Amino acid sequence: MESKRQIRIGTAGWSYKDWDGIFYPPELRSRKLHPLEYLPRFFDVVEINTSFYGHIKPELARLWSRKVAAVNPNFVFTAKLHRSFTQRGRSPSPRRPGCDGYRREVGRSADSISGFI
């Protein structure tokens, strides 16, 4: 049986000042609209950059998930692997026992995290 494959188009992150007035409309901030309530109108995936630098707090990931689901129920996140996996001379800490442990840890944060890059 052939599996259904999808190509998703998205951005690497969502919080960039230089996007204001170019991608994000000028009134986005004044209307107190979070970028994750606007971006899913045009894309169906976004990379979480902050996971490269530290843990994703589960309550924050759930908040992000709720914001995008209200706009695009098919929207998913990809999480950037922690820098301990990608930087030379570093190895995962004991709190992150390899990719499987990291996947379980991040997966508890939100069901809409679909993969790692």
C-alpha atoms as a PDB file:
ATOM      1  CA  MET A   1       0.000   0.000   0.000  1.00  0.00           C
ATOM      2  CA  GLU A   2       1.403   3.387  -0.962  1.00  0.00           C
ATOM      3  CA  SER A   3       1.706   5.899   1.853  1.00  0.00           C
ATOM      4  CA  LYS A   4       0.352   9.396   1.470  1.00  0.00           C
ATOM      5  CA  ARG A   5       3.207  11.889   1.410  1.00  0.00           C
ATOM      6  CA  GLN A   6       2.934  15.580   2.046  1.00  0.00           C
ATOM      7  CA  ILE A   7       5.164  18.511   1.475  1.00  0.00           C
ATOM      8  CA  ARG A   8       4.539  21.266   3.954  1.00  0.00           C
ATOM      9  CA  ILE A   9       5.591  24.845   3.392  1.00  0.00           C
ATOM     10  CA  GLY A  10       6.428  27.091   6.311  1.00  0.00           C
ATOM     11  CA  THR A  11       8.906  29.365   7.992  1.00  0.00           C
ATOM     12  CA  ALA A  12      11.873  28.992  10.315  1.00  0.00           C
ATOM     13  CA  GLY A  13      10.443  30.803  13.315  1.00  0.00           C
ATOM     14  CA  TRP A  14       7.789  33.478  13.592  1.00  0.00           C
ATOM     15  CA  SER A  15       9.106  36.345  15.688  1.00  0.00           C
ATOM     16  CA  TYR A  16      11.222  38.681  13.603  1.00  0.00           C
ATOM     17  CA  LYS A  17      11.041  42.482  13.854  1.00  0.00           C
ATOM     18  CA  ASP A  18      11.917  42.930  10.178  1.00  0.00           C
ATOM     19  CA  TRP A  19       8.752  41.020   9.199  1.00  0.00           C
ATOM     20  CA  ASP A  20       6.568  43.751  10.760  1.00  0.00           C
ATOM     21  CA  GLY A  21       4.920  45.752   8.008  1.00  0.00           C
ATOM     22  CA  ILE A  22       6.234  43.362   5.327  1.00  0.00           C
ATOM     23  CA  PHE A  23       4.697  39.991   6.171  1.00  0.00           C
ATOM     24  CA  TYR A  24       2.808  40.912   9.305  1.00  0.00           C
ATOM     25  CA  PRO A  25       0.384  43.797   8.822  1.00  0.00           C
ATOM     26  CA  PRO A  26       1.216  46.979  10.772  1.00  0.00           C
ATOM     27  CA  GLU A  27      -1.903  46.639  12.908  1.00  0.00           C
ATOM     28  CA  LEU A  28      -1.019  43.105  14.099  1.00  0.00           C
ATOM     29  CA  ARG A  29       0.564  44.292  17.357  1.00  0.00           C
ATOM     30  CA  SER A  30      -1.989  47.028  18.007  1.00  0.00           C
ATOM     31  CA  ARG A  31      -4.796  44.461  17.697  1.00  0.00           C
ATOM     32  CA  LYS A  32      -2.849  42.288  20.174  1.00  0.00           C
ATOM     33  CA  LEU A  33      -2.782  39.448  17.675  1.00  0.00           C
ATOM     34  CA  HIS A  34       0.025  36.944  18.226  1.00  0.00           C
ATOM     35  CA  PRO A  35       2.080  36.084  15.109  1.00  0.00           C
ATOM     36  CA  LEU A  36       0.961  32.449  15.507  1.00  0.00           C
ATOM     37  CA  GLU A  37      -2.615  33.615  15.011  1.00  0.00           C
ATOM     38  CA  TYR A  38      -1.672  35.172  11.662  1.00  0.00           C
ATOM     39  CA  LEU A  39       1.027  32.937  10.152  1.00  0.00           C
ATOM     40  CA  PRO A  40      -1.190  29.792   9.903  1.00  0.00           C
ATOM     41  CA  ARG A  41      -3.448  31.635   7.455  1.00  0.00           C
ATOM     42  CA  PHE A  42      -0.700  31.223   4.846  1.00  0.00           C
ATOM     43  CA  PHE A  43       1.463  28.286   5.969  1.00  0.00           C
ATOM     44  CA  ASP A  44       0.889  24.879   7.536  1.00  0.00           C
ATOM     45  CA  VAL A  45       4.186  24.396   9.407  1.00  0.00           C
ATOM     46  CA  VAL A  46       6.689  26.462  11.383  1.00  0.00           C
ATOM     47  CA  GLU A  47      10.008  25.629  12.955  1.00  0.00           C
ATOM     48  CA  ILE A  48      10.437  26.226  16.678  1.00  0.00           C
ATOM     49  CA  ASN A  49      13.858  27.855  16.932  1.00  0.00           C
ATOM     50  CA  THR A  50      13.930  28.189  20.704  1.00  0.00           C
ATOM     51  CA  SER A  51      14.271  24.422  21.147  1.00  0.00           C
ATOM     52  CA  PHE A  52      17.833  24.780  19.833  1.00  0.00           C
ATOM     53  CA  TYR A  53      18.752  26.818  22.914  1.00  0.00           C
ATOM     54  CA  GLY A  54      16.739  25.186  25.678  1.00  0.00           C
ATOM     55  CA  HIS A  55      13.726  23.215  26.788  1.00  0.00           C
ATOM     56  CA  ILE A  56      10.291  23.990  25.428  1.00  0.00           C
ATOM     57  CA  LYS A  57       8.003  24.572  28.388  1.00  0.00           C
ATOM     58  CA  PRO A  58       4.941  22.334  27.986  1.00  0.00           C
ATOM     59  CA  GLU A  59       2.512  25.122  28.928  1.00  0.00           C
ATOM     60  CA  LEU A  60       4.024  27.412  26.278  1.00  0.00           C
ATOM     61  CA  ALA A  61       3.865  24.698  23.608  1.00  0.00           C
ATOM     62  CA  ARG A  62       0.207  24.058  24.464  1.00  0.00           C
ATOM     63  CA  LEU A  63      -0.510  27.790  24.169  1.00  0.00           C
ATOM     64  CA  TRP A  64       1.159  27.902  20.728  1.00  0.00           C
ATOM     65  CA  SER A  65      -0.827  24.830  19.678  1.00  0.00           C
ATOM     66  CA  ARG A  66      -4.130  26.384  20.734  1.00  0.00           C
ATOM     67  CA  LYS A  67      -3.350  29.616  18.872  1.00  0.00           C
ATOM     68  CA  VAL A  68      -2.582  27.891  15.568  1.00  0.00           C
ATOM     69  CA  ALA A  69      -5.395  25.331  15.856  1.00  0.00           C
ATOM     70  CA  ALA A  70      -7.952  28.134  16.064  1.00  0.00           C
ATOM     71  CA  VAL A  71      -6.782  29.347  12.636  1.00  0.00           C
ATOM     72  CA  ASN A  72      -5.532  26.197  10.866  1.00  0.00           C
ATOM     73  CA  PRO A  73      -6.362  22.818  12.424  1.00  0.00           C
ATOM     74  CA  ASN A  74      -3.859  21.085  10.095  1.00  0.00           C
ATOM     75  CA  PHE A  75      -0.959  23.261  11.229  1.00  0.00           C
ATOM     76  CA  VAL A  76       2.069  21.525  12.750  1.00  0.00           C
ATOM     77  CA  PHE A  77       5.353  22.522  14.322  1.00  0.00           C
ATOM     78  CA  THR A  78       8.821  21.145  13.778  1.00  0.00           C
ATOM     79  CA  ALA A  79      11.283  21.508  16.624  1.00  0.00           C
ATOM     80  CA  LYS A  80      14.907  22.299  15.979  1.00  0.00           C
ATOM     81  CA  LEU A  81      17.142  19.775  17.726  1.00  0.00           C
ATOM     82  CA  HIS A  82      18.962  21.092  20.765  1.00  0.00           C
ATOM     83  CA  ARG A  83      22.423  22.420  19.985  1.00  0.00           C
ATOM     84  CA  SER A  84      23.997  19.581  21.968  1.00  0.00           C
ATOM     85  CA  PHE A  85      23.056  17.309  19.056  1.00  0.00           C
ATOM     86  CA  THR A  86      24.373  19.530  16.306  1.00  0.00           C
ATOM     87  CA  GLN A  87      27.462  21.309  17.640  1.00  0.00           C
ATOM     88  CA  ARG A  88      30.860  19.652  17.427  1.00  0.00           C
ATOM     89  CA  GLY A  89      32.469  18.579  20.653  1.00  0.00           C
ATOM     90  CA  ARG A  90      29.194  18.491  22.557  1.00  0.00           C
ATOM     91  CA  SER A  91      27.089  15.531  23.469  1.00  0.00           C
ATOM     92  CA  PRO A  92      23.565  15.349  24.808  1.00  0.00           C
ATOM     93  CA  SER A  93      23.323  15.952  28.539  1.00  0.00           C
ATOM     94  CA  PRO A  94      22.119  13.173  30.840  1.00  0.00           C
ATOM     95  CA  ARG A  95      18.706  14.860  30.803  1.00  0.00           C
ATOM     96  CA  ARG A  96      18.616  14.270  27.052  1.00  0.00           C
ATOM     97  CA  PRO A  97      19.672  10.668  26.476  1.00  0.00           C
ATOM     98  CA  GLY A  98      19.901  10.725  22.690  1.00  0.00           C
ATOM     99  CA  CYS A  99      17.261  11.515  20.102  1.00  0.00           C
ATOM    100  CA  ASP A 100      14.643   9.122  21.479  1.00  0.00           C
ATOM    101  CA  GLY A 101      14.729  10.756  24.915  1.00  0.00           C
ATOM    102  CA  TYR A 102      14.610  14.207  23.364  1.00  0.00           C
ATOM    103  CA  ARG A 103      11.654  13.222  21.180  1.00  0.00           C
ATOM    104  CA  ARG A 104       9.724  11.946  24.216  1.00  0.00           C
ATOM    105  CA  GLU A 105      10.508  15.103  26.196  1.00  0.00           C
ATOM    106  CA  VAL A 106       9.489  17.506  23.447  1.00  0.00           C
ATOM    107  CA  GLY A 107       6.540  15.339  22.438  1.00  0.00           C
ATOM    108  CA  ARG A 108       5.030  15.855  25.884  1.00  0.00           C
ATOM    109  CA  SER A 109       4.980  19.559  25.144  1.00  0.00           C
ATOM    110  CA  ALA A 110       2.429  19.474  22.335  1.00  0.00           C
ATOM    111  CA  ASP A 111       0.820  16.927  20.046  1.00  0.00           C
ATOM    112  CA  SER A 112       1.246  19.250  17.083  1.00  0.00           C
ATOM    113  CA  ILE A 113       5.064  18.942  17.050  1.00  0.00           C
ATOM    114  CA  SER A 114       5.511  16.675  14.079  1.00  0.00           C
ATOM    115  CA  GLY A 115       9.251  16.333  13.688  1.00  0.00           C
ATOM    116  CA  PHE A 116      12.753  17.550  14.328  1.00  0.00           C
ATOM    117  CA  ILE A 117      15.223  19.293  12.050  1.00  0.00           C
END
